[in-house]
């Protein structure tokens, strides 16, 4: 079993990543599904993989916790220094 360590503010980073991902998709004319949270998370993840913003996870690690962590890391790296979420 792999260890998925928690990063600071992960939940807030994921929430903000969903916001940013949906805006990016909309700017490109793509409507992502606005249903349940797990579906939104997977949709944003797949969109970001498709537009080469994040590296895809291996099939064996393609679960909710790892996808959330990948989104949180993506947004954390995109934020400017001094941002309260960083």
Protein backbone atom coordinates (compact mmCIF):
# COMPACT_ATOMS: atom_id res chain seq x y z
CA UNK A 1 0.00 0.00 0.00
CA UNK A 2 1.43 3.37 -0.99
CA UNK A 3 1.63 6.30 1.38
CA UNK A 4 -0.25 9.39 0.25
CA UNK A 5 1.06 12.17 2.46
CA UNK A 6 -1.15 15.17 3.01
CA UNK A 7 0.09 18.55 1.86
CA UNK A 8 -0.86 21.71 3.78
CA UNK A 9 -4.19 23.23 2.69
CA UNK A 10 -4.81 20.29 0.32
CA UNK A 11 -8.61 20.58 0.50
CA UNK A 12 -8.54 24.32 -0.21
CA UNK A 13 -6.02 23.82 -3.02
CA UNK A 14 -8.23 21.14 -4.62
CA UNK A 15 -11.27 23.40 -4.38
CA UNK A 16 -9.36 26.26 -6.03
CA UNK A 17 -7.92 23.86 -8.66
CA UNK A 18 -11.48 22.88 -9.59
CA UNK A 19 -12.39 26.56 -10.00
CA UNK A 20 -9.34 27.27 -12.14
CA UNK A 21 -9.76 24.07 -14.17
CA UNK A 22 -13.40 24.83 -14.95
CA UNK A 23 -12.48 28.40 -16.02
CA UNK A 24 -9.66 27.12 -18.23
CA UNK A 25 -11.95 24.57 -19.87
CA UNK A 26 -14.66 27.18 -20.44
CA UNK A 27 -12.13 29.53 -22.05
CA UNK A 28 -11.32 26.73 -24.50
CA UNK A 29 -14.99 26.10 -25.21
CA UNK A 30 -15.22 22.87 -23.21
CA UNK A 31 -18.06 22.28 -20.75
CA UNK A 32 -17.04 19.98 -17.92
CA UNK A 33 -19.75 18.08 -16.01
CA UNK A 34 -21.03 20.01 -13.02
CA UNK A 35 -22.34 17.07 -11.02
CA UNK A 36 -20.91 15.41 -7.90
CA UNK A 37 -17.53 16.37 -6.42
CA UNK A 38 -15.71 13.14 -7.44
CA UNK A 39 -16.88 13.54 -11.05
CA UNK A 40 -15.79 17.20 -11.11
CA UNK A 41 -12.37 16.26 -9.74
CA UNK A 42 -11.85 13.52 -12.32
CA UNK A 43 -13.13 15.76 -15.15
CA UNK A 44 -10.71 18.57 -14.26
CA UNK A 45 -7.87 16.06 -13.88
CA UNK A 46 -8.56 14.55 -17.31
CA UNK A 47 -8.86 18.01 -18.87
CA UNK A 48 -5.52 19.11 -17.38
CA UNK A 49 -3.85 15.91 -18.60
CA UNK A 50 -5.30 16.48 -22.08
CA UNK A 51 -3.95 20.05 -22.27
CA UNK A 52 -0.56 18.93 -20.90
CA UNK A 53 -0.78 20.91 -17.66
CA UNK A 54 -0.13 17.87 -15.46
CA UNK A 55 1.47 14.49 -15.94
CA UNK A 56 -0.99 11.59 -15.94
CA UNK A 57 -0.94 9.18 -13.04
CA UNK A 58 -0.16 5.51 -13.68
CA UNK A 59 -3.28 3.31 -13.95
CA UNK A 60 -2.48 1.64 -10.63
CA UNK A 61 -2.62 4.99 -8.80
CA UNK A 62 -5.68 6.44 -10.53
CA UNK A 63 -7.91 6.88 -7.48
CA UNK A 64 -9.56 9.81 -5.75
CA UNK A 65 -6.84 10.53 -3.19
CA UNK A 66 -4.02 10.52 -5.73
CA UNK A 67 -5.99 12.65 -8.22
CA UNK A 68 -6.77 15.20 -5.50
CA UNK A 69 -3.12 15.30 -4.48
CA UNK A 70 -2.03 15.80 -8.10
CA UNK A 71 -4.49 18.70 -8.52
CA UNK A 72 -3.34 20.27 -5.23
CA UNK A 73 0.32 20.03 -6.23
CA UNK A 74 -0.44 21.49 -9.68
CA UNK A 75 -2.17 24.53 -8.19
CA UNK A 76 0.42 24.92 -5.40
CA UNK A 77 3.17 25.13 -8.02
CA UNK A 78 1.16 27.62 -10.12
CA UNK A 79 0.49 30.03 -7.25
CA UNK A 80 2.72 33.07 -6.79
CA UNK A 81 4.98 33.34 -3.75
CA UNK A 82 3.20 34.82 -0.76
CA UNK A 83 -0.24 33.48 -1.72
CA UNK A 84 -2.17 32.48 1.42
CA UNK A 85 -2.79 28.96 0.05
CA UNK A 86 0.91 28.39 -0.53
